[in-house]
Amino acid sequence: MSRTSPAPQPGSAHDPIRARRAQIAHWTLLANRVGYLFFALAIVGFVLASAFGFTNTMATIVIASLVIGSILLAPAIVLGYAVKAAERDDRERGF
């Protein structure tokens, strides 16, 4: 499954709205990747803590990773869907 932006349509190369959407799509993709990376770190930290014993440091790493991942993912997912919906609406209307 590819998450690349759709190919620009004729006449849209100088459209500032589409350029801004592409920029937002790029940043949401980056935030998604980093957010899921923090979730993976939280999972690995939790598994290691379960295997070797929970310490304050391990608990802090797991909690901080979950908080940072959530802060990154929540707006990135919403904005990503908004950009996709706006692009789909433009295509349906012939813009």
N, C-alpha and C. Protein backbone atom coordinates (compact mmCIF):
# COMPACT_ATOMS: atom_id res chain seq x y z
N MET A 1 0.85 -1.16 0.00
CA MET A 1 0.00 0.00 0.00
C MET A 1 0.90 1.23 0.00
N SER A 2 0.75 2.04 -1.01
CA SER A 2 1.58 3.23 -1.15
C SER A 2 0.85 4.44 -0.60
N ARG A 3 1.60 5.28 0.07
CA ARG A 3 1.01 6.50 0.64
C ARG A 3 1.53 7.73 -0.06
N THR A 4 1.81 7.62 -1.34
CA THR A 4 2.31 8.78 -2.06
C THR A 4 1.15 9.67 -2.46
N SER A 5 1.46 10.92 -2.71
CA SER A 5 0.45 11.88 -3.13
C SER A 5 0.03 11.58 -4.55
N PRO A 6 -1.23 11.90 -4.90
CA PRO A 6 -1.66 11.67 -6.27
C PRO A 6 -0.89 12.57 -7.22
N ALA A 7 -0.79 12.11 -8.47
CA ALA A 7 -0.07 12.88 -9.47
C ALA A 7 -0.79 14.20 -9.73
N PRO A 8 -0.02 15.29 -9.89
CA PRO A 8 -0.66 16.57 -10.14
C PRO A 8 -1.40 16.56 -11.47
N GLN A 9 -2.53 17.19 -11.48
CA GLN A 9 -3.34 17.26 -12.69
C GLN A 9 -2.97 18.51 -13.48
N PRO A 10 -3.26 18.52 -14.79
CA PRO A 10 -2.95 19.70 -15.58
C PRO A 10 -3.65 20.93 -15.00
N GLY A 11 -2.92 22.02 -14.95
CA GLY A 11 -3.49 23.27 -14.45
C GLY A 11 -3.39 23.42 -12.95
N SER A 12 -2.94 22.39 -12.26
CA SER A 12 -2.88 22.46 -10.80
C SER A 12 -1.47 22.72 -10.28
N ALA A 13 -0.51 22.89 -11.17
CA ALA A 13 0.87 23.05 -10.76
C ALA A 13 1.07 24.34 -9.97
N HIS A 14 0.28 25.36 -10.24
CA HIS A 14 0.45 26.65 -9.58
C HIS A 14 -0.67 26.94 -8.60
N ASP A 15 -1.41 25.91 -8.22
CA ASP A 15 -2.51 26.09 -7.28
C ASP A 15 -1.96 26.10 -5.86
N PRO A 16 -2.05 27.24 -5.16
CA PRO A 16 -1.48 27.31 -3.81
C PRO A 16 -2.20 26.41 -2.81
N ILE A 17 -3.46 26.14 -3.03
CA ILE A 17 -4.20 25.27 -2.11
C ILE A 17 -3.69 23.84 -2.22
N ARG A 18 -3.51 23.37 -3.44
CA ARG A 18 -2.99 22.01 -3.62
C ARG A 18 -1.55 21.89 -3.15
N ALA A 19 -0.78 22.96 -3.33
CA ALA A 19 0.60 22.94 -2.83
C ALA A 19 0.60 22.85 -1.31
N ARG A 20 -0.30 23.59 -0.66
CA ARG A 20 -0.38 23.54 0.80
C ARG A 20 -0.85 22.16 1.27
N ARG A 21 -1.82 21.56 0.54
CA ARG A 21 -2.28 20.21 0.88
C ARG A 21 -1.15 19.21 0.77
N ALA A 22 -0.34 19.33 -0.28
CA ALA A 22 0.79 18.42 -0.45
C ALA A 22 1.78 18.57 0.69
N GLN A 23 1.99 19.81 1.11
CA GLN A 23 2.89 20.05 2.24
C GLN A 23 2.33 19.44 3.52
N ILE A 24 1.05 19.61 3.77
CA ILE A 24 0.42 19.03 4.96
C ILE A 24 0.46 17.51 4.88
N ALA A 25 0.22 16.94 3.70
CA ALA A 25 0.27 15.49 3.54
C ALA A 25 1.67 14.96 3.84
N HIS A 26 2.68 15.69 3.42
CA HIS A 26 4.06 15.28 3.71
C HIS A 26 4.32 15.27 5.21
N TRP A 27 3.92 16.32 5.91
CA TRP A 27 4.16 16.41 7.35
C TRP A 27 3.33 15.39 8.14
N THR A 28 2.11 15.11 7.68
CA THR A 28 1.31 14.10 8.38
C THR A 28 1.89 12.71 8.19
N LEU A 29 2.44 12.44 7.01
CA LEU A 29 3.09 11.15 6.78
C LEU A 29 4.30 11.00 7.70
N LEU A 30 5.08 12.05 7.82
CA LEU A 30 6.24 12.02 8.71
C LEU A 30 5.81 11.84 10.17
N ALA A 31 4.78 12.57 10.59
CA ALA A 31 4.29 12.45 11.97
C ALA A 31 3.73 11.05 12.23
N ASN A 32 3.07 10.46 11.24
CA ASN A 32 2.58 9.09 11.39
C ASN A 32 3.74 8.12 11.61
N ARG A 33 4.77 8.24 10.80
CA ARG A 33 5.90 7.32 10.92
C ARG A 33 6.60 7.47 12.28
N VAL A 34 6.83 8.70 12.69
CA VAL A 34 7.50 8.93 13.97
C VAL A 34 6.60 8.50 15.13
N GLY A 35 5.30 8.79 15.04
CA GLY A 35 4.36 8.40 16.08
C GLY A 35 4.30 6.89 16.26
N TYR A 36 4.22 6.16 15.15
CA TYR A 36 4.20 4.70 15.25
C TYR A 36 5.55 4.16 15.74
N LEU A 37 6.63 4.86 15.43
CA LEU A 37 7.94 4.47 15.95
C LEU A 37 7.96 4.57 17.47
N PHE A 38 7.37 5.64 18.02
CA PHE A 38 7.29 5.78 19.47
C PHE A 38 6.39 4.69 20.08
N PHE A 39 5.32 4.31 19.40
CA PHE A 39 4.49 3.23 19.89
C PHE A 39 5.27 1.91 19.90
N ALA A 40 6.07 1.68 18.86
CA ALA A 40 6.90 0.48 18.83
C ALA A 40 7.92 0.49 19.96
N LEU A 41 8.50 1.66 20.23
CA LEU A 41 9.43 1.79 21.34
C LEU A 41 8.74 1.47 22.67
N ALA A 42 7.51 1.92 22.82
CA ALA A 42 6.76 1.63 24.04
C ALA A 42 6.52 0.13 24.20
N ILE A 43 6.20 -0.54 23.10
CA ILE A 43 5.96 -1.98 23.15
C ILE A 43 7.24 -2.72 23.50
N VAL A 44 8.34 -2.36 22.85
CA VAL A 44 9.63 -3.00 23.14
C VAL A 44 10.02 -2.74 24.59
N GLY A 45 9.85 -1.51 25.03
CA GLY A 45 10.17 -1.18 26.42
C GLY A 45 9.34 -1.98 27.40
N PHE A 46 8.06 -2.14 27.10
CA PHE A 46 7.18 -2.91 27.98
C PHE A 46 7.58 -4.38 28.03
N VAL A 47 7.90 -4.95 26.87
CA VAL A 47 8.32 -6.35 26.82
C VAL A 47 9.62 -6.54 27.59
N LEU A 48 10.58 -5.64 27.39
CA LEU A 48 11.84 -5.74 28.12
C LEU A 48 11.62 -5.57 29.62
N ALA A 49 10.76 -4.64 29.99
CA ALA A 49 10.48 -4.44 31.41
C ALA A 49 9.79 -5.66 32.01
N SER A 50 8.93 -6.29 31.24
CA SER A 50 8.26 -7.50 31.73
C SER A 50 9.25 -8.63 31.94
N ALA A 51 10.22 -8.71 31.03
CA ALA A 51 11.20 -9.80 31.10
C ALA A 51 12.23 -9.58 32.21
N PHE A 52 12.65 -8.33 32.39
CA PHE A 52 13.76 -8.07 33.31
C PHE A 52 13.36 -7.31 34.56
N GLY A 53 12.10 -6.99 34.70
CA GLY A 53 11.66 -6.29 35.89
C GLY A 53 11.41 -4.81 35.63
N PHE A 54 10.30 -4.35 36.14
CA PHE A 54 9.95 -2.95 35.96
C PHE A 54 10.77 -2.08 36.90
N THR A 55 11.37 -1.06 36.32
CA THR A 55 12.05 -0.05 37.11
C THR A 55 11.39 1.29 36.80
N ASN A 56 11.73 2.29 37.58
CA ASN A 56 11.18 3.62 37.30
C ASN A 56 11.59 4.12 35.92
N THR A 57 12.81 3.82 35.52
CA THR A 57 13.28 4.25 34.20
C THR A 57 12.49 3.59 33.09
N MET A 58 12.28 2.29 33.19
CA MET A 58 11.53 1.58 32.15
C MET A 58 10.08 2.06 32.09
N ALA A 59 9.48 2.27 33.24
CA ALA A 59 8.10 2.77 33.26
C ALA A 59 8.03 4.16 32.64
N THR A 60 9.02 5.00 32.91
CA THR A 60 9.05 6.35 32.33
C THR A 60 9.20 6.29 30.82
N ILE A 61 10.06 5.39 30.34
CA ILE A 61 10.26 5.25 28.89
C ILE A 61 8.96 4.80 28.22
N VAL A 62 8.29 3.82 28.79
CA VAL A 62 7.05 3.31 28.20
C VAL A 62 5.97 4.39 28.20
N ILE A 63 5.79 5.06 29.30
CA ILE A 63 4.74 6.08 29.40
C ILE A 63 5.06 7.27 28.49
N ALA A 64 6.30 7.73 28.50
CA ALA A 64 6.68 8.86 27.65
C ALA A 64 6.52 8.52 26.17
N SER A 65 6.88 7.29 25.79
CA SER A 65 6.73 6.88 24.39
C SER A 65 5.27 6.85 23.98
N LEU A 66 4.41 6.36 24.86
CA LEU A 66 2.98 6.34 24.54
C LEU A 66 2.41 7.74 24.44
N VAL A 67 2.82 8.63 25.33
CA VAL A 67 2.31 10.02 25.30
C VAL A 67 2.79 10.73 24.04
N ILE A 68 4.08 10.64 23.74
CA ILE A 68 4.61 11.31 22.55
C ILE A 68 3.98 10.73 21.28
N GLY A 69 3.87 9.41 21.20
CA GLY A 69 3.23 8.79 20.03
C GLY A 69 1.79 9.24 19.86
N SER A 70 1.06 9.35 20.96
CA SER A 70 -0.34 9.79 20.88
C SER A 70 -0.44 11.26 20.45
N ILE A 71 0.45 12.08 20.98
CA ILE A 71 0.44 13.50 20.62
C ILE A 71 0.74 13.69 19.13
N LEU A 72 1.63 12.87 18.60
CA LEU A 72 1.95 12.97 17.17
C LEU A 72 0.87 12.36 16.30
N LEU A 73 0.34 11.22 16.70
CA LEU A 73 -0.58 10.49 15.83
C LEU A 73 -1.98 11.09 15.76
N ALA A 74 -2.49 11.60 16.86
CA ALA A 74 -3.88 12.08 16.85
C ALA A 74 -4.12 13.15 15.79
N PRO A 75 -3.38 14.25 15.78
CA PRO A 75 -3.64 15.25 14.74
C PRO A 75 -3.19 14.78 13.36
N ALA A 76 -2.14 13.97 13.28
CA ALA A 76 -1.66 13.51 11.98
C ALA A 76 -2.69 12.65 11.27
N ILE A 77 -3.34 11.78 12.01
CA ILE A 77 -4.36 10.92 11.40
C ILE A 77 -5.55 11.76 10.93
N VAL A 78 -6.01 12.68 11.75
CA VAL A 78 -7.15 13.52 11.38
C VAL A 78 -6.81 14.38 10.17
N LEU A 79 -5.65 15.04 10.18
CA LEU A 79 -5.26 15.88 9.05
C LEU A 79 -5.03 15.06 7.79
N GLY A 80 -4.50 13.85 7.93
CA GLY A 80 -4.31 12.99 6.77
C GLY A 80 -5.62 12.64 6.10
N TYR A 81 -6.63 12.30 6.91
CA TYR A 81 -7.95 12.02 6.35
C TYR A 81 -8.57 13.28 5.73
N ALA A 82 -8.33 14.43 6.33
CA ALA A 82 -8.88 15.67 5.79
C ALA A 82 -8.28 15.99 4.42
N VAL A 83 -6.98 15.81 4.28
CA VAL A 83 -6.32 16.07 2.99
C VAL A 83 -6.83 15.10 1.94
N LYS A 84 -6.95 13.81 2.30
CA LYS A 84 -7.45 12.83 1.34
C LYS A 84 -8.88 13.14 0.92
N ALA A 85 -9.71 13.56 1.86
CA ALA A 85 -11.10 13.88 1.54
C ALA A 85 -11.18 15.11 0.65
N ALA A 86 -10.35 16.10 0.91
CA ALA A 86 -10.35 17.31 0.08
C ALA A 86 -9.89 17.00 -1.34
N GLU A 87 -8.86 16.18 -1.47
CA GLU A 87 -8.40 15.80 -2.80
C GLU A 87 -9.46 14.98 -3.55
N ARG A 88 -10.11 14.07 -2.83
CA ARG A 88 -11.16 13.26 -3.45
C ARG A 88 -12.32 14.15 -3.90
N ASP A 89 -12.69 15.13 -3.08
CA ASP A 89 -13.76 16.05 -3.44
C ASP A 89 -13.39 16.87 -4.66
N ASP A 90 -12.16 17.33 -4.73
CA ASP A 90 -11.72 18.07 -5.92
C ASP A 90 -11.78 17.23 -7.17
N ARG A 91 -11.36 15.96 -7.07
CA ARG A 91 -11.42 15.07 -8.23
C ARG A 91 -12.85 14.84 -8.69
N GLU A 92 -13.76 14.63 -7.71
CA GLU A 92 -15.16 14.39 -8.06
C GLU A 92 -15.80 15.61 -8.71
N ARG A 93 -15.38 16.78 -8.32
CA ARG A 93 -15.93 18.02 -8.90
C ARG A 93 -15.21 18.44 -10.16
N GLY A 94 -14.13 17.76 -10.52
CA GLY A 94 -13.43 18.05 -11.76
C GLY A 94 -12.41 19.17 -11.65
N PHE A 95 -11.95 19.48 -10.47
CA PHE A 95 -10.96 20.55 -10.31
C PHE A 95 -9.57 20.02 -10.50
